[in-house]
Amino acid sequence: MNKNFLKLKIELKDLPHKVIRKVLVPEDISMFQLHLVIQESIGWFNAHLFEFCDAKSKSEIRVGIPDEFDEDFACFASAPKRDAFQVLLKDSFLMENGAKPFWYWYDFGDDWWHQITFLKNSKKDEKQFHGAPICIDAIGKCPPEDVGGPWGYTDFLKSIRNKKHPEHEEIREWYGLEPNEKYNEMEVDLNVINTMLNDLYKSEEWNSNDFEVF
């Protein structure tokens, strides 16, 4: 069991409210494994393509799935894309990029941009980490998949909060709310996140070399 770990802050940007996760991950984690951790901890469904890069444009480091999948959605950069299965977080964005904040881009249509920052480990973190990825802090609910990106999500919140909005009932039905159920954009369950992360770590997917969107 690898007891060396990295502490990361993952923040989904450009939203009307904060969506932040702080996670502890194995030091030898691959970029594809980090993709899986982000999906589970934020609350995405792993339904779209992704890319890591050191900058939103003119990036010098790009890591993702080989280009035949998403050549039309390159990260506006000339740097070649590296294979997420083969690249380790510590070798690329920690060492090569000097532990600077970097980006995780999910869904090349809705454009969800997550800023990832390296944080300093604490004694408390050392006691909490036992080899598997763990989320130690969570703020804010994940937006729905395919809602139309940050701007679509802003419209979603306006309509679902306002009973007089012309699309209120339609949006409630689309999201799947029960008649008296309210939507709480700040609701998040740390225990559920960590159960899913633990299940992920024990699954075949964790060490898989295949990528499949669902």
C-alpha atoms as a PDB file:
ATOM      1  CA  MET A   1       0.000   0.000   0.000  1.00  0.00           C
ATOM      2  CA  ASN A   2       1.336   3.408  -0.976  1.00  0.00           C
ATOM      3  CA  LYS A   3       1.116   5.679   2.072  1.00  0.00           C
ATOM      4  CA  ASN A   4       2.656   8.669   0.318  1.00  0.00           C
ATOM      5  CA  PHE A   5       0.008  11.074  -0.882  1.00  0.00           C
ATOM      6  CA  LEU A   6      -0.710  14.413  -2.513  1.00  0.00           C
ATOM      7  CA  LYS A   7      -3.320  16.896  -1.309  1.00  0.00           C
ATOM      8  CA  LEU A   8      -5.363  18.671  -3.973  1.00  0.00           C
ATOM      9  CA  LYS A   9      -8.022  21.342  -4.086  1.00  0.00           C
ATOM     10  CA  ILE A  10     -10.414  20.944  -7.025  1.00  0.00           C
ATOM     11  CA  GLU A  11     -12.633  23.927  -7.792  1.00  0.00           C
ATOM     12  CA  LEU A  12     -15.256  24.054 -10.522  1.00  0.00           C
ATOM     13  CA  LYS A  13     -15.079  27.604 -11.876  1.00  0.00           C
ATOM     14  CA  ASP A  14     -17.497  30.173 -13.333  1.00  0.00           C
ATOM     15  CA  LEU A  15     -20.535  29.084 -11.294  1.00  0.00           C
ATOM     16  CA  PRO A  16     -23.069  31.121  -9.277  1.00  0.00           C
ATOM     17  CA  HIS A  17     -21.933  29.240  -6.149  1.00  0.00           C
ATOM     18  CA  LYS A  18     -18.804  27.420  -5.002  1.00  0.00           C
ATOM     19  CA  VAL A  19     -18.158  23.785  -5.884  1.00  0.00           C
ATOM     20  CA  ILE A  20     -14.945  22.693  -4.163  1.00  0.00           C
ATOM     21  CA  ARG A  21     -13.449  19.366  -3.185  1.00  0.00           C
ATOM     22  CA  LYS A  22     -10.255  18.748  -1.221  1.00  0.00           C
ATOM     23  CA  VAL A  23      -8.861  15.274  -1.769  1.00  0.00           C
ATOM     24  CA  LEU A  24      -5.904  13.136  -0.740  1.00  0.00           C
ATOM     25  CA  VAL A  25      -4.645  10.881  -3.529  1.00  0.00           C
ATOM     26  CA  PRO A  26      -1.790   8.353  -3.840  1.00  0.00           C
ATOM     27  CA  GLU A  27       1.477   9.989  -4.839  1.00  0.00           C
ATOM     28  CA  ASP A  28       1.868   7.591  -7.773  1.00  0.00           C
ATOM     29  CA  ILE A  29      -1.591   8.331  -9.220  1.00  0.00           C
ATOM     30  CA  SER A  30      -1.857   8.459 -13.016  1.00  0.00           C
ATOM     31  CA  MET A  31      -3.653  11.308 -14.735  1.00  0.00           C
ATOM     32  CA  PHE A  32      -6.408   8.916 -15.804  1.00  0.00           C
ATOM     33  CA  GLN A  33      -6.880   7.811 -12.209  1.00  0.00           C
ATOM     34  CA  LEU A  34      -7.025  11.480 -11.196  1.00  0.00           C
ATOM     35  CA  HIS A  35      -9.736  11.958 -13.829  1.00  0.00           C
ATOM     36  CA  LEU A  36     -11.726   9.182 -12.148  1.00  0.00           C
ATOM     37  CA  VAL A  37     -11.214  10.748  -8.700  1.00  0.00           C
ATOM     38  CA  ILE A  38     -12.480  14.109  -9.968  1.00  0.00           C
ATOM     39  CA  GLN A  39     -15.517  12.476 -11.550  1.00  0.00           C
ATOM     40  CA  GLU A  40     -16.495  10.701  -8.330  1.00  0.00           C
ATOM     41  CA  SER A  41     -15.664  13.503  -5.906  1.00  0.00           C
ATOM     42  CA  ILE A  42     -17.348  16.298  -7.868  1.00  0.00           C
ATOM     43  CA  GLY A  43     -20.331  14.159  -8.883  1.00  0.00           C
ATOM     44  CA  TRP A  44     -20.013  13.831 -12.660  1.00  0.00           C
ATOM     45  CA  PHE A  45     -21.106  10.698 -14.533  1.00  0.00           C
ATOM     46  CA  ASN A  46     -17.978  10.151 -16.657  1.00  0.00           C
ATOM     47  CA  ALA A  47     -20.105  10.765 -19.726  1.00  0.00           C
ATOM     48  CA  HIS A  48     -17.778  13.002 -21.765  1.00  0.00           C
ATOM     49  CA  LEU A  49     -14.185  13.485 -22.831  1.00  0.00           C
ATOM     50  CA  PHE A  50     -11.627  15.331 -20.721  1.00  0.00           C
ATOM     51  CA  GLU A  51      -8.226  16.962 -20.784  1.00  0.00           C
ATOM     52  CA  PHE A  52      -5.683  18.243 -18.261  1.00  0.00           C
ATOM     53  CA  CYS A  53      -3.610  21.266 -19.205  1.00  0.00           C
ATOM     54  CA  ASP A  54      -1.353  23.836 -17.569  1.00  0.00           C
ATOM     55  CA  ALA A  55      -3.297  26.751 -19.083  1.00  0.00           C
ATOM     56  CA  LYS A  56      -6.667  27.306 -20.739  1.00  0.00           C
ATOM     57  CA  SER A  57      -4.947  28.482 -23.911  1.00  0.00           C
ATOM     58  CA  LYS A  58      -1.444  28.132 -25.313  1.00  0.00           C
ATOM     59  CA  SER A  59      -0.855  25.254 -22.951  1.00  0.00           C
ATOM     60  CA  GLU A  60       2.529  23.561 -22.899  1.00  0.00           C
ATOM     61  CA  ILE A  61       1.341  20.466 -21.033  1.00  0.00           C
ATOM     62  CA  ARG A  62      -1.701  18.537 -22.276  1.00  0.00           C
ATOM     63  CA  VAL A  63      -2.773  15.153 -20.964  1.00  0.00           C
ATOM     64  CA  GLY A  64      -5.832  13.189 -22.000  1.00  0.00           C
ATOM     65  CA  ILE A  65      -7.091  10.479 -24.315  1.00  0.00           C
ATOM     66  CA  PRO A  66      -5.278   9.993 -27.674  1.00  0.00           C
ATOM     67  CA  ASP A  67      -6.258  12.559 -30.287  1.00  0.00           C
ATOM     68  CA  GLU A  68      -8.418  10.391 -32.513  1.00  0.00           C
ATOM     69  CA  PHE A  69     -11.196  10.950 -29.988  1.00  0.00           C
ATOM     70  CA  ASP A  70     -11.137  14.721 -29.770  1.00  0.00           C
ATOM     71  CA  GLU A  71      -8.846  16.329 -32.345  1.00  0.00           C
ATOM     72  CA  ASP A  72     -11.511  18.941 -33.083  1.00  0.00           C
ATOM     73  CA  PHE A  73     -11.547  20.075 -29.449  1.00  0.00           C
ATOM     74  CA  ALA A  74      -7.858  20.605 -28.768  1.00  0.00           C
ATOM     75  CA  CYS A  75      -6.979  22.835 -25.818  1.00  0.00           C
ATOM     76  CA  PHE A  76      -6.035  25.684 -28.213  1.00  0.00           C
ATOM     77  CA  ALA A  77      -2.410  24.640 -27.868  1.00  0.00           C
ATOM     78  CA  SER A  78       0.421  23.425 -30.061  1.00  0.00           C
ATOM     79  CA  ALA A  79       1.764  21.003 -27.447  1.00  0.00           C
ATOM     80  CA  PRO A  80       1.119  17.320 -28.242  1.00  0.00           C
ATOM     81  CA  LYS A  81      -1.324  15.490 -26.022  1.00  0.00           C
ATOM     82  CA  ARG A  82       0.146  12.904 -23.679  1.00  0.00           C
ATOM     83  CA  ASP A  83      -1.590   9.662 -22.774  1.00  0.00           C
ATOM     84  CA  ALA A  84      -3.419   9.982 -19.419  1.00  0.00           C
ATOM     85  CA  PHE A  85      -2.850   6.273 -18.742  1.00  0.00           C
ATOM     86  CA  GLN A  86       0.921   6.646 -19.037  1.00  0.00           C
ATOM     87  CA  VAL A  87       1.538   9.999 -17.328  1.00  0.00           C
ATOM     88  CA  LEU A  88       1.795  10.364 -13.547  1.00  0.00           C
ATOM     89  CA  LEU A  89       0.564  13.442 -11.719  1.00  0.00           C
ATOM     90  CA  LYS A  90       3.834  13.803  -9.788  1.00  0.00           C
ATOM     91  CA  ASP A  91       5.936  13.696 -12.968  1.00  0.00           C
ATOM     92  CA  SER A  92       3.884  16.166 -14.983  1.00  0.00           C
ATOM     93  CA  PHE A  93       2.012  18.820 -13.049  1.00  0.00           C
ATOM     94  CA  LEU A  94       3.986  18.490  -9.810  1.00  0.00           C
ATOM     95  CA  MET A  95       7.586  18.238 -11.003  1.00  0.00           C
ATOM     96  CA  GLU A  96       7.537  19.489 -14.579  1.00  0.00           C
ATOM     97  CA  ASN A  97       5.010  22.256 -13.915  1.00  0.00           C
ATOM     98  CA  GLY A  98       6.511  23.242 -10.579  1.00  0.00           C
ATOM     99  CA  ALA A  99       3.410  22.438  -8.500  1.00  0.00           C
ATOM    100  CA  LYS A 100       1.544  25.346 -10.072  1.00  0.00           C
ATOM    101  CA  PRO A 101      -2.264  25.270 -10.340  1.00  0.00           C
ATOM    102  CA  PHE A 102      -3.462  23.491 -13.471  1.00  0.00           C
ATOM    103  CA  TRP A 103      -6.763  22.750 -15.222  1.00  0.00           C
ATOM    104  CA  TYR A 104      -9.103  19.844 -15.784  1.00  0.00           C
ATOM    105  CA  TRP A 105     -11.460  20.398 -18.722  1.00  0.00           C
ATOM    106  CA  TYR A 106     -14.505  18.152 -18.805  1.00  0.00           C
ATOM    107  CA  ASP A 107     -17.109  17.928 -21.602  1.00  0.00           C
ATOM    108  CA  PHE A 108     -15.827  19.806 -24.626  1.00  0.00           C
ATOM    109  CA  GLY A 109     -19.337  21.065 -25.404  1.00  0.00           C
ATOM    110  CA  ASP A 110     -20.456  22.351 -22.005  1.00  0.00           C
ATOM    111  CA  ASP A 111     -16.874  23.311 -21.060  1.00  0.00           C
ATOM    112  CA  TRP A 112     -16.621  22.626 -17.352  1.00  0.00           C
ATOM    113  CA  TRP A 113     -13.278  24.025 -16.181  1.00  0.00           C
ATOM    114  CA  HIS A 114     -11.852  22.850 -12.861  1.00  0.00           C
ATOM    115  CA  GLN A 115      -8.813  24.515 -11.324  1.00  0.00           C
ATOM    116  CA  ILE A 116      -6.590  22.108  -9.408  1.00  0.00           C
ATOM    117  CA  THR A 117      -4.198  23.371  -6.756  1.00  0.00           C
ATOM    118  CA  PHE A 118      -1.570  21.510  -4.744  1.00  0.00           C
ATOM    119  CA  LEU A 119      -1.983  21.992  -0.993  1.00  0.00           C
ATOM    120  CA  LYS A 120       0.391  21.365   1.899  1.00  0.00           C
ATOM    121  CA  ASN A 121      -0.127  18.113   3.793  1.00  0.00           C
ATOM    122  CA  SER A 122      -0.907  18.237   7.503  1.00  0.00           C
ATOM    123  CA  LYS A 123      -0.529  15.777  10.386  1.00  0.00           C
ATOM    124  CA  LYS A 124      -4.305  15.317  10.311  1.00  0.00           C
ATOM    125  CA  ASP A 125      -4.121  14.408   6.612  1.00  0.00           C
ATOM    126  CA  GLU A 126      -1.490  11.751   7.387  1.00  0.00           C
ATOM    127  CA  LYS A 127      -3.842  10.112   9.878  1.00  0.00           C
ATOM    128  CA  GLN A 128      -6.747  10.138   7.398  1.00  0.00           C
ATOM    129  CA  PHE A 129      -4.937   8.714   4.384  1.00  0.00           C
ATOM    130  CA  HIS A 130      -4.763   4.902   4.193  1.00  0.00           C
ATOM    131  CA  GLY A 131      -3.893   4.361   0.544  1.00  0.00           C
ATOM    132  CA  ALA A 132      -7.219   4.964  -1.200  1.00  0.00           C
ATOM    133  CA  PRO A 133      -8.275   8.407  -2.470  1.00  0.00           C
ATOM    134  CA  ILE A 134     -10.302  10.272   0.125  1.00  0.00           C
ATOM    135  CA  CYS A 135     -12.260  13.525   0.051  1.00  0.00           C
ATOM    136  CA  ILE A 136     -11.661  15.528   3.238  1.00  0.00           C
ATOM    137  CA  ASP A 137     -13.810  18.560   2.434  1.00  0.00           C
ATOM    138  CA  ALA A 138     -16.701  19.211   0.061  1.00  0.00           C
ATOM    139  CA  ILE A 139     -18.664  22.364  -0.758  1.00  0.00           C
ATOM    140  CA  GLY A 140     -21.530  22.651  -3.229  1.00  0.00           C
ATOM    141  CA  LYS A 141     -23.575  20.280  -5.384  1.00  0.00           C
ATOM    142  CA  CYS A 142     -22.351  19.205  -8.804  1.00  0.00           C
ATOM    143  CA  PRO A 143     -24.354  20.750 -11.676  1.00  0.00           C
ATOM    144  CA  PRO A 144     -26.460  18.335 -13.752  1.00  0.00           C
ATOM    145  CA  GLU A 145     -24.797  16.708 -16.755  1.00  0.00           C
ATOM    146  CA  ASP A 146     -25.694  18.267 -20.128  1.00  0.00           C
ATOM    147  CA  VAL A 147     -27.262  21.353 -18.562  1.00  0.00           C
ATOM    148  CA  GLY A 148     -25.404  23.638 -20.949  1.00  0.00           C
ATOM    149  CA  GLY A 149     -22.236  24.545 -19.064  1.00  0.00           C
ATOM    150  CA  PRO A 150     -21.915  27.312 -16.443  1.00  0.00           C
ATOM    151  CA  TRP A 151     -24.276  29.599 -18.340  1.00  0.00           C
ATOM    152  CA  GLY A 152     -26.896  26.904 -18.806  1.00  0.00           C
ATOM    153  CA  TYR A 153     -26.570  26.033 -15.136  1.00  0.00           C
ATOM    154  CA  THR A 154     -27.196  29.656 -14.168  1.00  0.00           C
ATOM    155  CA  ASP A 155     -30.419  29.584 -16.201  1.00  0.00           C
ATOM    156  CA  PHE A 156     -31.289  26.216 -14.644  1.00  0.00           C
ATOM    157  CA  LEU A 157     -31.011  27.684 -11.137  1.00  0.00           C
ATOM    158  CA  LYS A 158     -33.132  30.712 -12.045  1.00  0.00           C
ATOM    159  CA  SER A 159     -35.939  28.568 -13.429  1.00  0.00           C
ATOM    160  CA  ILE A 160     -35.923  25.899 -10.740  1.00  0.00           C
ATOM    161  CA  ARG A 161     -35.964  28.466  -7.898  1.00  0.00           C
ATOM    162  CA  ASN A 162     -38.799  30.555  -9.314  1.00  0.00           C
ATOM    163  CA  LYS A 163     -42.245  28.919  -9.358  1.00  0.00           C
ATOM    164  CA  LYS A 164     -43.483  31.627 -11.730  1.00  0.00           C
ATOM    165  CA  HIS A 165     -40.745  30.969 -14.273  1.00  0.00           C
ATOM    166  CA  PRO A 166     -42.296  29.669 -17.551  1.00  0.00           C
ATOM    167  CA  GLU A 167     -39.899  26.701 -17.578  1.00  0.00           C
ATOM    168  CA  HIS A 168     -40.103  25.909 -13.861  1.00  0.00           C
ATOM    169  CA  GLU A 169     -42.161  22.719 -14.106  1.00  0.00           C
ATOM    170  CA  GLU A 170     -40.374  21.520 -17.227  1.00  0.00           C
ATOM    171  CA  ILE A 171     -36.972  21.909 -15.560  1.00  0.00           C
ATOM    172  CA  ARG A 172     -38.144  20.154 -12.402  1.00  0.00           C
ATOM    173  CA  GLU A 173     -39.369  17.229 -14.465  1.00  0.00           C
ATOM    174  CA  TRP A 174     -36.154  17.136 -16.519  1.00  0.00           C
ATOM    175  CA  TYR A 175     -34.055  17.000 -13.355  1.00  0.00           C
ATOM    176  CA  GLY A 176     -36.337  14.405 -11.778  1.00  0.00           C
ATOM    177  CA  LEU A 177     -37.546  16.228  -8.661  1.00  0.00           C
ATOM    178  CA  GLU A 178     -40.496  14.850  -6.722  1.00  0.00           C
ATOM    179  CA  PRO A 179     -43.578  17.154  -6.373  1.00  0.00           C
ATOM    180  CA  ASN A 180     -42.571  18.630  -2.984  1.00  0.00           C
ATOM    181  CA  GLU A 181     -38.820  18.175  -3.331  1.00  0.00           C
ATOM    182  CA  LYS A 182     -36.609  21.265  -3.341  1.00  0.00           C
ATOM    183  CA  TYR A 183     -33.340  21.691  -5.190  1.00  0.00           C
ATOM    184  CA  ASN A 184     -30.479  22.645  -2.866  1.00  0.00           C
ATOM    185  CA  GLU A 185     -27.391  23.691  -4.816  1.00  0.00           C
ATOM    186  CA  MET A 186     -25.208  23.518  -1.682  1.00  0.00           C
ATOM    187  CA  GLU A 187     -26.230  20.000  -0.641  1.00  0.00           C
ATOM    188  CA  VAL A 188     -23.345  17.527  -0.660  1.00  0.00           C
ATOM    189  CA  ASP A 189     -22.682  14.323   1.312  1.00  0.00           C
ATOM    190  CA  LEU A 190     -19.032  13.658   2.163  1.00  0.00           C
ATOM    191  CA  ASN A 191     -19.767  10.104   3.280  1.00  0.00           C
ATOM    192  CA  VAL A 192     -21.372   9.248  -0.063  1.00  0.00           C
ATOM    193  CA  ILE A 193     -18.396  10.708  -1.934  1.00  0.00           C
ATOM    194  CA  ASN A 194     -15.923   8.653   0.080  1.00  0.00           C
ATOM    195  CA  THR A 195     -17.928   5.466  -0.316  1.00  0.00           C
ATOM    196  CA  MET A 196     -17.794   5.962  -4.083  1.00  0.00           C
ATOM    197  CA  LEU A 197     -14.058   6.761  -4.006  1.00  0.00           C
ATOM    198  CA  ASN A 198     -13.346   3.654  -1.950  1.00  0.00           C
ATOM    199  CA  ASP A 199     -15.412   1.506  -4.320  1.00  0.00           C
ATOM    200  CA  LEU A 200     -13.546   3.036  -7.267  1.00  0.00           C
ATOM    201  CA  TYR A 201     -10.166   2.243  -5.705  1.00  0.00           C
ATOM    202  CA  LYS A 202     -11.162  -1.405  -5.237  1.00  0.00           C
ATOM    203  CA  SER A 203     -12.650  -1.759  -8.720  1.00  0.00           C
ATOM    204  CA  GLU A 204     -11.074  -3.086 -11.920  1.00  0.00           C
ATOM    205  CA  GLU A 205     -11.559   0.355 -13.442  1.00  0.00           C
ATOM    206  CA  TRP A 206      -8.887   1.839 -11.150  1.00  0.00           C
ATOM    207  CA  ASN A 207      -6.098  -0.086 -12.899  1.00  0.00           C
ATOM    208  CA  SER A 208      -7.745  -0.332 -16.299  1.00  0.00           C
ATOM    209  CA  ASN A 209      -6.108   0.816 -19.526  1.00  0.00           C
ATOM    210  CA  ASP A 210      -9.398   1.305 -21.337  1.00  0.00           C
ATOM    211  CA  PHE A 211     -11.388   4.513 -21.616  1.00  0.00           C
ATOM    212  CA  GLU A 212     -15.116   4.460 -22.145  1.00  0.00           C
ATOM    213  CA  VAL A 213     -17.664   7.242 -21.690  1.00  0.00           C
ATOM    214  CA  PHE A 214     -21.054   6.156 -20.426  1.00  0.00           C
END
